[in-house]
Amino acid sequence: MSMSMDTKHYTTTSSENTAPVQEAVDLALYEAAKDGDLHAAFIAVQKGANPGSQHDIRKETALHVAAYGGHKDMVVFLVQVGANIDCQTRLGRTALHLATLSIQLQNRAEIATFLLSSGANRSLRDMDGKTARDYALEEGQFDLADLMDRHEVAPAVQPIPASAIVPALVHAAASLHTKIPAASTHDLDGVVRSV
């Protein structure tokens, strides 16, 4: 008895494959930001992650979770690759609101200062009608509230396109006649500061 197998070939269009892949790299960036993992964030951006994608029911971005987590180097990196500083969560909170409420008390002022100098709108209110300054006062962070009062509105920082970061790093490494090592979070601290 012989059996013949009918083989069908299925092809998928690129749009059918693109959405799940994009969601995966966007989620990878979000998780890396939440953990403060610069290496993973760098790889996600290289693979095309959108730093402005909003996740879960709270509509948080990678910048929101990085600011709340107190990951100052991650905040800098995300702004440099084009994250929207004034993007609001479902509750209307921006990265500046969340930096003010950060679980890392020692990084609150540094992150807030960076966001303000990068053009964050200090007058945005969340759904409770509160600004980041209002939360600073509630948290007893009077120096931070004072910083927000005194901070001049700065022109928005022009983000560095992600496509320019990798070639620039490769060029810099080549000019030093060195290889770019497998980066750890510690290795990328200098990269983010020097870009």
Protein backbone atom coordinates (compact mmCIF):
# COMPACT_ATOMS: atom_id res chain seq x y z
CA MET A 1 0.00 0.00 0.00
CA SER A 2 1.44 3.30 -0.97
CA MET A 3 0.54 6.59 0.56
CA SER A 4 0.94 9.87 -1.11
CA MET A 5 1.12 12.98 0.96
CA ASP A 6 -0.36 16.15 -0.38
CA THR A 7 1.91 18.99 0.67
CA LYS A 8 0.46 22.45 0.74
CA HIS A 9 2.66 25.47 0.83
CA TYR A 10 1.49 28.43 2.76
CA THR A 11 3.01 31.81 2.41
CA THR A 12 2.41 34.72 4.66
CA THR A 13 2.61 38.33 3.77
CA SER A 14 5.10 40.54 5.50
CA SER A 15 2.29 42.48 7.22
CA GLU A 16 1.09 39.25 8.87
CA ASN A 17 4.56 38.67 10.28
CA THR A 18 5.41 42.26 11.13
CA ALA A 19 2.87 42.97 13.87
CA PRO A 20 3.87 40.12 16.23
CA VAL A 21 7.56 40.84 15.69
CA GLN A 22 7.07 44.56 16.36
CA GLU A 23 5.04 43.79 19.48
CA ALA A 24 7.80 41.47 20.69
CA VAL A 25 10.63 44.00 20.28
CA ASP A 26 8.49 46.77 21.77
CA LEU A 27 7.74 44.57 24.77
CA ALA A 28 11.43 43.66 25.07
CA LEU A 29 12.29 47.37 25.28
CA TYR A 30 9.55 47.93 27.88
CA GLU A 31 10.79 45.04 30.04
CA ALA A 32 14.42 46.16 29.69
CA ALA A 33 13.44 49.68 30.78
CA LYS A 34 11.54 48.31 33.76
CA ASP A 35 14.61 46.32 34.81
CA GLY A 36 17.11 49.07 33.98
CA ASP A 37 18.87 46.72 31.54
CA LEU A 38 20.61 49.03 29.07
CA HIS A 39 22.14 46.19 27.08
CA ALA A 40 18.74 44.61 26.40
CA ALA A 41 17.24 48.03 25.62
CA PHE A 42 20.03 48.77 23.17
CA ILE A 43 19.43 45.45 21.39
CA ALA A 44 15.66 46.04 21.26
CA VAL A 45 16.20 49.48 19.71
CA GLN A 46 18.64 47.97 17.19
CA LYS A 47 15.90 45.51 16.24
CA GLY A 48 13.44 48.35 15.64
CA ALA A 49 11.63 48.77 18.96
CA ASN A 50 9.41 51.84 19.12
CA PRO A 51 10.29 53.78 22.30
CA GLY A 52 6.82 55.35 22.20
CA SER A 53 4.78 52.16 22.24
CA GLN A 54 2.33 51.97 25.14
CA HIS A 55 1.76 48.75 27.05
CA ASP A 56 -0.90 47.01 29.09
CA ILE A 57 -4.02 48.59 30.46
CA ARG A 58 -2.05 51.44 32.07
CA LYS A 59 -0.72 52.61 28.67
CA GLU A 60 2.80 53.01 30.01
CA THR A 61 5.85 53.43 27.80
CA ALA A 62 9.39 52.29 28.43
CA LEU A 63 10.19 55.85 29.54
CA HIS A 64 7.41 55.78 32.15
CA VAL A 65 8.66 52.58 33.79
CA ALA A 66 12.31 53.67 33.61
CA ALA A 67 11.48 57.00 35.29
CA TYR A 68 9.38 55.34 37.98
CA GLY A 69 12.07 52.71 38.56
CA GLY A 70 14.69 55.41 39.02
CA HIS A 71 16.83 54.13 36.13
CA LYS A 72 18.44 57.45 35.19
CA ASP A 73 20.78 56.09 32.50
CA MET A 74 17.86 54.29 30.88
CA VAL A 75 15.82 57.51 30.91
CA VAL A 76 18.66 59.32 29.13
CA PHE A 77 19.00 56.52 26.58
CA LEU A 78 15.26 56.42 25.84
CA VAL A 79 15.06 60.18 25.34
CA GLN A 80 18.09 60.02 23.04
CA VAL A 81 16.43 57.40 20.85
CA GLY A 82 13.22 59.37 20.53
CA ALA A 83 10.89 58.57 23.42
CA ASN A 84 8.08 61.12 23.79
CA ILE A 85 8.85 62.89 27.06
CA ASP A 86 5.30 64.15 27.53
CA CYS A 87 3.44 60.96 26.62
CA GLN A 88 0.72 60.36 29.19
CA THR A 89 -0.43 57.09 30.74
CA ARG A 90 -4.07 56.14 31.02
CA LEU A 91 -4.09 58.12 34.29
CA GLY A 92 -2.55 61.13 32.55
CA ARG A 93 0.88 60.80 34.16
CA THR A 94 4.06 61.68 32.30
CA ALA A 95 7.60 60.48 32.90
CA LEU A 96 8.09 63.66 34.99
CA HIS A 97 5.14 62.72 37.22
CA LEU A 98 6.56 59.22 37.63
CA ALA A 99 10.11 60.42 38.25
CA THR A 100 8.70 62.51 41.10
CA LEU A 101 7.09 59.38 42.53
CA SER A 102 10.11 57.15 41.77
CA ILE A 103 10.85 54.28 44.10
CA GLN A 104 14.52 55.37 43.95
CA LEU A 105 14.49 58.48 46.13
CA GLN A 106 18.10 59.38 45.39
CA ASN A 107 17.48 59.56 41.61
CA ARG A 108 14.29 61.64 41.62
CA ALA A 109 15.95 65.05 41.28
CA GLU A 110 18.47 63.90 38.65
CA ILE A 111 15.82 62.31 36.46
CA ALA A 112 13.44 65.26 36.87
CA THR A 113 16.24 67.71 36.05
CA PHE A 114 17.16 65.75 32.94
CA LEU A 115 13.54 65.53 31.78
CA LEU A 116 12.98 69.24 32.37
CA SER A 117 16.18 70.18 30.53
CA SER A 118 15.05 67.91 27.68
CA GLY A 119 11.81 69.84 27.30
CA ALA A 120 9.34 68.04 29.58
CA ASN A 121 6.17 70.06 30.12
CA ARG A 122 6.03 70.69 33.88
CA SER A 123 2.47 72.04 33.73
CA LEU A 124 0.78 68.84 32.47
CA ARG A 125 -1.85 67.54 34.85
CA ASP A 126 -2.91 63.95 35.38
CA MET A 127 -6.50 62.73 35.76
CA ASP A 128 -6.45 63.83 39.41
CA GLY A 129 -5.58 67.36 38.27
CA LYS A 130 -2.06 67.16 39.69
CA THR A 131 1.25 68.24 38.21
CA ALA A 132 4.57 66.59 38.96
CA ARG A 133 5.27 69.50 41.33
CA ASP A 134 2.08 68.71 43.26
CA TYR A 135 3.32 65.15 43.80
CA ALA A 136 6.75 66.41 44.86
CA LEU A 137 5.07 68.54 47.54
CA GLU A 138 2.88 65.60 48.68
CA GLU A 139 5.98 63.41 48.94
CA GLY A 140 7.80 66.03 51.03
CA GLN A 141 10.32 66.59 48.23
CA PHE A 142 10.42 70.36 48.66
CA ASP A 143 13.77 70.77 46.88
CA LEU A 144 12.34 68.94 43.88
CA ALA A 145 9.22 71.14 43.87
CA ASP A 146 11.48 74.19 44.09
CA LEU A 147 13.54 72.87 41.17
CA MET A 148 10.38 72.64 39.08
CA ASP A 149 9.41 76.19 40.05
CA ARG A 150 12.79 77.57 39.05
CA HIS A 151 13.39 75.53 35.92
CA GLU A 152 13.21 77.49 32.71
CA VAL A 153 11.40 75.86 29.84
CA ALA A 154 14.12 74.49 27.59
CA PRO A 155 13.92 73.84 23.88
CA ALA A 156 13.13 70.20 23.18
CA VAL A 157 16.13 67.94 22.64
CA GLN A 158 16.35 66.53 19.15
CA PRO A 159 16.55 62.75 19.52
CA ILE A 160 19.37 60.83 17.94
CA PRO A 161 17.88 58.36 15.45
CA ALA A 162 18.44 54.79 16.57
CA SER A 163 19.84 54.02 13.12
CA ALA A 164 22.65 56.51 13.78
CA ILE A 165 23.67 55.18 17.19
CA VAL A 166 25.00 51.78 16.15
CA PRO A 167 27.08 53.00 13.16
CA ALA A 168 28.49 55.77 15.33
CA LEU A 169 29.55 53.26 18.00
CA VAL A 170 31.07 50.93 15.41
CA HIS A 171 32.95 53.85 13.82
CA ALA A 172 34.19 55.02 17.22
CA ALA A 173 35.38 51.52 18.11
CA ALA A 174 37.11 51.14 14.73
CA SER A 175 38.91 54.44 15.13
CA LEU A 176 40.27 53.18 18.45
CA HIS A 177 41.20 49.85 16.84
CA THR A 178 39.07 48.00 19.34
CA LYS A 179 36.17 45.63 19.15
CA ILE A 180 32.86 46.42 20.73
CA PRO A 181 32.67 43.83 23.50
CA ALA A 182 29.53 42.02 24.46
CA ALA A 183 28.04 44.83 26.47
CA SER A 184 26.77 44.56 29.98
CA THR A 185 24.72 47.19 31.74
CA HIS A 186 27.96 48.55 33.18
CA ASP A 187 29.56 48.73 29.71
CA LEU A 188 26.69 50.75 28.30
CA ASP A 189 26.81 53.36 31.08
CA GLY A 190 29.68 55.07 29.27
CA VAL A 191 28.06 54.59 25.87
CA VAL A 192 24.88 56.36 26.88
CA ARG A 193 26.79 59.20 28.51
CA SER A 194 29.05 59.68 25.50
CA VAL A 195 26.36 59.63 22.82
